[in-house]
């Protein structure tokens, strides 16, 4: 019971101390950065997020029957386009059939 009371007393003291010290900090700096630096950092983060969303939202083009639909890179096969409905990409010829 003593330890619980001490923990509550300590947390109340720490919260009062932090609320009193908030006024001592300069309002224009946060984590040592000025407002302009924070704005530039947020713009940069926002642009990188939008690029990754655009890459994921891109549509794979469609291939007609007989067109090349894949490319071989050593043991790997990379898709170039998606075959039309009812056809499939033949992994030996690398064409839609």
N, C-alpha and C. Protein backbone atom coordinates (compact mmCIF):
# COMPACT_ATOMS: atom_id res chain seq x y z
N UNK A 1 0.82 -1.19 0.00
CA UNK A 1 0.00 0.00 0.00
C UNK A 1 0.87 1.26 0.00
N UNK A 2 1.98 1.18 0.71
CA UNK A 2 2.90 2.32 0.76
C UNK A 2 3.50 2.60 -0.62
N UNK A 3 3.84 1.51 -1.36
CA UNK A 3 4.46 1.70 -2.66
C UNK A 3 3.48 2.32 -3.66
N UNK A 4 2.21 1.96 -3.57
CA UNK A 4 1.20 2.53 -4.46
C UNK A 4 1.03 4.01 -4.15
N UNK A 5 0.97 4.33 -2.86
CA UNK A 5 0.82 5.73 -2.45
C UNK A 5 2.03 6.55 -2.90
N UNK A 6 3.23 5.98 -2.79
CA UNK A 6 4.44 6.68 -3.21
C UNK A 6 4.46 6.89 -4.73
N UNK A 7 3.99 5.87 -5.48
CA UNK A 7 3.95 5.98 -6.94
C UNK A 7 2.97 7.06 -7.38
N UNK A 8 1.81 7.13 -6.73
CA UNK A 8 0.81 8.15 -7.06
C UNK A 8 1.36 9.53 -6.72
N UNK A 9 1.98 9.67 -5.56
CA UNK A 9 2.56 10.95 -5.15
C UNK A 9 3.64 11.39 -6.13
N UNK A 10 4.50 10.45 -6.54
CA UNK A 10 5.56 10.76 -7.49
C UNK A 10 5.00 11.19 -8.84
N UNK A 11 3.97 10.49 -9.32
CA UNK A 11 3.38 10.84 -10.63
C UNK A 11 2.72 12.21 -10.58
N UNK A 12 2.06 12.56 -9.46
CA UNK A 12 1.44 13.87 -9.34
C UNK A 12 2.51 14.96 -9.33
N UNK A 13 3.59 14.72 -8.60
CA UNK A 13 4.68 15.70 -8.55
C UNK A 13 5.32 15.89 -9.92
N UNK A 14 5.54 14.80 -10.65
CA UNK A 14 6.13 14.90 -11.98
C UNK A 14 5.21 15.62 -12.96
N UNK A 15 3.92 15.37 -12.87
CA UNK A 15 2.99 16.05 -13.79
C UNK A 15 2.92 17.54 -13.49
N UNK A 16 2.95 17.91 -12.20
CA UNK A 16 2.96 19.34 -11.86
C UNK A 16 4.25 20.00 -12.33
N UNK A 17 5.37 19.31 -12.16
CA UNK A 17 6.65 19.86 -12.58
C UNK A 17 6.71 20.06 -14.08
N UNK A 18 6.21 19.09 -14.84
CA UNK A 18 6.24 19.23 -16.31
C UNK A 18 5.29 20.33 -16.78
N UNK A 19 4.13 20.48 -16.12
CA UNK A 19 3.20 21.54 -16.53
C UNK A 19 3.77 22.92 -16.22
N UNK A 20 4.51 23.04 -15.13
CA UNK A 20 5.14 24.31 -14.81
C UNK A 20 6.30 24.64 -15.76
N UNK A 21 7.01 23.62 -16.20
CA UNK A 21 8.17 23.83 -17.07
C UNK A 21 7.79 24.06 -18.53
N UNK A 22 6.54 23.80 -18.90
CA UNK A 22 6.12 24.00 -20.29
C UNK A 22 6.25 25.46 -20.69
N UNK A 23 6.00 26.39 -19.78
CA UNK A 23 6.09 27.80 -20.09
C UNK A 23 7.52 28.28 -20.27
N UNK A 24 8.50 27.54 -19.79
CA UNK A 24 9.90 27.93 -19.90
C UNK A 24 10.47 27.66 -21.28
N UNK A 25 9.85 26.75 -22.01
CA UNK A 25 10.36 26.40 -23.34
C UNK A 25 9.93 27.42 -24.36
N UNK A 26 10.80 27.68 -25.32
CA UNK A 26 10.51 28.64 -26.38
C UNK A 26 9.43 28.08 -27.30
N UNK A 27 8.37 28.86 -27.60
CA UNK A 27 7.27 28.33 -28.41
C UNK A 27 7.64 28.12 -29.88
N UNK A 28 8.65 28.83 -30.41
CA UNK A 28 8.95 28.68 -31.83
C UNK A 28 9.85 27.49 -32.14
N UNK A 29 10.40 26.84 -31.12
CA UNK A 29 11.24 25.68 -31.38
C UNK A 29 10.64 24.45 -30.73
N UNK A 30 10.68 23.36 -31.43
CA UNK A 30 10.23 22.08 -30.94
C UNK A 30 11.25 21.05 -31.39
N UNK A 31 11.84 20.35 -30.48
CA UNK A 31 12.90 19.38 -30.75
C UNK A 31 14.08 20.06 -31.43
N UNK A 32 14.29 21.32 -31.14
CA UNK A 32 15.43 22.04 -31.71
C UNK A 32 15.23 22.48 -33.15
N UNK A 33 14.00 22.40 -33.67
CA UNK A 33 13.72 22.80 -35.05
C UNK A 33 12.83 24.03 -35.06
N UNK A 34 13.06 24.91 -36.01
CA UNK A 34 12.20 26.08 -36.16
C UNK A 34 10.95 25.71 -36.96
N UNK A 35 10.02 26.64 -37.05
CA UNK A 35 8.78 26.38 -37.77
C UNK A 35 9.03 26.10 -39.25
N UNK A 36 9.96 26.82 -39.85
CA UNK A 36 10.25 26.61 -41.28
C UNK A 36 10.85 25.23 -41.51
N UNK A 37 11.73 24.79 -40.61
CA UNK A 37 12.33 23.46 -40.77
C UNK A 37 11.29 22.37 -40.58
N UNK A 38 10.37 22.56 -39.62
CA UNK A 38 9.30 21.58 -39.42
C UNK A 38 8.38 21.52 -40.64
N UNK A 39 8.06 22.68 -41.23
CA UNK A 39 7.20 22.70 -42.40
C UNK A 39 7.87 21.99 -43.58
N UNK A 40 9.17 22.23 -43.76
CA UNK A 40 9.90 21.56 -44.84
C UNK A 40 9.94 20.06 -44.62
N UNK A 41 10.12 19.64 -43.36
CA UNK A 41 10.15 18.22 -43.05
C UNK A 41 8.81 17.56 -43.31
N UNK A 42 7.72 18.25 -42.95
CA UNK A 42 6.39 17.70 -43.20
C UNK A 42 6.08 17.64 -44.69
N UNK A 43 6.48 18.65 -45.46
CA UNK A 43 6.26 18.62 -46.90
C UNK A 43 7.02 17.47 -47.55
N UNK A 44 8.24 17.26 -47.10
CA UNK A 44 9.05 16.17 -47.66
C UNK A 44 8.43 14.82 -47.33
N UNK A 45 7.94 14.64 -46.10
CA UNK A 45 7.31 13.38 -45.72
C UNK A 45 6.02 13.17 -46.50
N UNK A 46 5.25 14.25 -46.72
CA UNK A 46 4.00 14.15 -47.46
C UNK A 46 4.24 13.76 -48.91
N UNK A 47 5.29 14.31 -49.52
CA UNK A 47 5.57 13.99 -50.92
C UNK A 47 6.03 12.55 -51.07
N UNK A 48 6.79 12.02 -50.10
CA UNK A 48 7.25 10.64 -50.21
C UNK A 48 6.09 9.66 -50.02
N UNK A 49 5.11 10.02 -49.19
CA UNK A 49 3.94 9.17 -49.00
C UNK A 49 3.10 9.14 -50.26
N UNK A 50 2.92 10.27 -50.91
CA UNK A 50 2.10 10.31 -52.11
C UNK A 50 2.75 9.54 -53.25
N UNK A 51 4.08 9.53 -53.33
CA UNK A 51 4.75 8.77 -54.38
C UNK A 51 4.53 7.28 -54.20
N UNK A 52 4.61 6.79 -52.97
CA UNK A 52 4.43 5.36 -52.75
C UNK A 52 2.99 4.95 -53.04
N UNK A 53 2.02 5.82 -52.75
CA UNK A 53 0.63 5.52 -53.06
C UNK A 53 0.42 5.49 -54.56
N UNK A 54 1.05 6.41 -55.29
CA UNK A 54 0.90 6.43 -56.74
C UNK A 54 1.49 5.18 -57.37
N UNK A 55 2.61 4.70 -56.86
CA UNK A 55 3.21 3.49 -57.41
C UNK A 55 2.31 2.29 -57.18
N UNK A 56 1.69 2.20 -56.01
CA UNK A 56 0.83 1.07 -55.71
C UNK A 56 -0.47 1.14 -56.50
N UNK A 57 -0.92 2.34 -56.83
CA UNK A 57 -2.18 2.50 -57.53
C UNK A 57 -2.03 2.39 -59.05
N UNK A 58 -0.81 2.24 -59.54
CA UNK A 58 -0.62 2.17 -60.99
C UNK A 58 -1.26 0.90 -61.54
N UNK A 59 -1.74 0.99 -62.75
CA UNK A 59 -2.44 -0.11 -63.39
C UNK A 59 -1.48 -0.81 -64.35
N UNK A 60 -1.46 -2.14 -64.31
CA UNK A 60 -0.64 -2.92 -65.23
C UNK A 60 -1.34 -2.93 -66.58
N UNK A 61 -0.64 -2.61 -67.66
CA UNK A 61 -1.30 -2.59 -68.98
C UNK A 61 -1.72 -3.99 -69.43
N UNK A 62 -2.67 -4.06 -70.33
CA UNK A 62 -3.18 -5.33 -70.85
C UNK A 62 -2.42 -5.73 -72.11
N UNK A 63 -2.22 -7.04 -72.29
CA UNK A 63 -1.57 -7.58 -73.49
C UNK A 63 -2.61 -8.31 -74.34
N UNK A 64 -2.45 -8.23 -75.64
CA UNK A 64 -3.28 -9.02 -76.55
C UNK A 64 -2.69 -10.41 -76.69
N UNK A 65 -3.44 -11.31 -77.31
CA UNK A 65 -2.97 -12.68 -77.53
C UNK A 65 -1.78 -12.66 -78.47
N UNK A 66 -0.70 -13.32 -78.10
CA UNK A 66 0.51 -13.39 -78.90
C UNK A 66 1.55 -12.34 -78.54
N UNK A 67 1.18 -11.33 -77.75
CA UNK A 67 2.14 -10.31 -77.35
C UNK A 67 3.02 -10.81 -76.22
N UNK A 68 4.19 -10.20 -76.12
CA UNK A 68 5.12 -10.57 -75.06
C UNK A 68 4.59 -10.03 -73.73
N UNK A 69 4.44 -10.93 -72.75
CA UNK A 69 3.84 -10.53 -71.47
C UNK A 69 4.82 -10.64 -70.31
N UNK A 70 6.00 -11.20 -70.54
CA UNK A 70 6.97 -11.36 -69.46
C UNK A 70 8.37 -11.25 -70.01
N UNK A 71 9.32 -11.09 -69.11
CA UNK A 71 10.72 -10.97 -69.48
C UNK A 71 11.54 -11.79 -68.49
N UNK A 72 12.55 -12.46 -68.97
CA UNK A 72 13.35 -13.32 -68.11
C UNK A 72 14.61 -12.59 -67.67
N UNK A 73 14.86 -12.60 -66.37
CA UNK A 73 16.07 -12.04 -65.78
C UNK A 73 16.78 -13.16 -65.03
N UNK A 74 17.59 -13.92 -65.72
CA UNK A 74 18.22 -15.07 -65.07
C UNK A 74 17.17 -16.09 -64.70
N UNK A 75 17.13 -16.51 -63.45
CA UNK A 75 16.10 -17.49 -63.05
C UNK A 75 14.74 -16.85 -62.77
N UNK A 76 14.67 -15.53 -62.77
CA UNK A 76 13.42 -14.84 -62.46
C UNK A 76 12.67 -14.46 -63.72
N UNK A 77 11.34 -14.37 -63.58
CA UNK A 77 10.49 -13.94 -64.68
C UNK A 77 9.74 -12.69 -64.23
N UNK A 78 9.92 -11.59 -64.95
CA UNK A 78 9.25 -10.34 -64.61
C UNK A 78 8.07 -10.10 -65.52
N UNK A 79 6.94 -9.69 -64.93
CA UNK A 79 5.74 -9.43 -65.71
C UNK A 79 5.82 -8.07 -66.38
N UNK A 80 5.52 -8.02 -67.67
CA UNK A 80 5.48 -6.75 -68.41
C UNK A 80 4.06 -6.21 -68.49
N UNK A 81 3.11 -7.12 -68.67
CA UNK A 81 1.71 -6.72 -68.77
C UNK A 81 0.82 -7.88 -68.37
N UNK A 82 -0.47 -7.61 -68.25
CA UNK A 82 -1.43 -8.62 -67.84
C UNK A 82 -2.19 -9.09 -69.06
N UNK A 83 -2.29 -10.41 -69.24
CA UNK A 83 -2.99 -10.97 -70.40
C UNK A 83 -4.49 -10.74 -70.27
N UNK A 84 -5.17 -10.69 -71.43
CA UNK A 84 -6.61 -10.51 -71.44
C UNK A 84 -7.31 -11.68 -70.78
N UNK A 85 -8.57 -11.47 -70.47
CA UNK A 85 -9.36 -12.52 -69.82
C UNK A 85 -9.49 -13.73 -70.74
N UNK A 86 -9.29 -14.90 -70.18
CA UNK A 86 -9.37 -16.13 -70.96
C UNK A 86 -8.02 -16.56 -71.50
N UNK A 87 -6.98 -15.76 -71.36
CA UNK A 87 -5.64 -16.13 -71.80
C UNK A 87 -4.71 -16.09 -70.59
N UNK A 88 -3.56 -16.71 -70.75
CA UNK A 88 -2.57 -16.74 -69.67
C UNK A 88 -1.20 -16.51 -70.26
N UNK A 89 -0.29 -16.07 -69.43
CA UNK A 89 1.08 -15.83 -69.86
C UNK A 89 1.85 -17.15 -69.81
N UNK A 90 2.29 -17.63 -70.96
CA UNK A 90 3.07 -18.86 -71.04
C UNK A 90 4.49 -18.55 -70.57
N UNK A 91 4.95 -19.24 -69.52
CA UNK A 91 6.26 -18.94 -68.94
C UNK A 91 7.41 -19.48 -69.78
N UNK A 92 7.15 -20.36 -70.76
CA UNK A 92 8.21 -20.83 -71.63
C UNK A 92 8.42 -19.87 -72.81
N UNK A 93 7.33 -19.52 -73.48
CA UNK A 93 7.41 -18.60 -74.63
C UNK A 93 7.36 -17.13 -74.20
N UNK A 94 6.92 -16.88 -72.97
CA UNK A 94 6.78 -15.53 -72.42
C UNK A 94 5.80 -14.68 -73.23
N UNK A 95 4.75 -15.33 -73.71
CA UNK A 95 3.72 -14.65 -74.50
C UNK A 95 2.35 -15.07 -74.03
N UNK A 96 1.35 -14.23 -74.32
CA UNK A 96 -0.04 -14.55 -73.94
C UNK A 96 -0.60 -15.58 -74.91
N UNK A 97 -1.15 -16.66 -74.39
CA UNK A 97 -1.82 -17.69 -75.20
C UNK A 97 -3.09 -18.14 -74.52
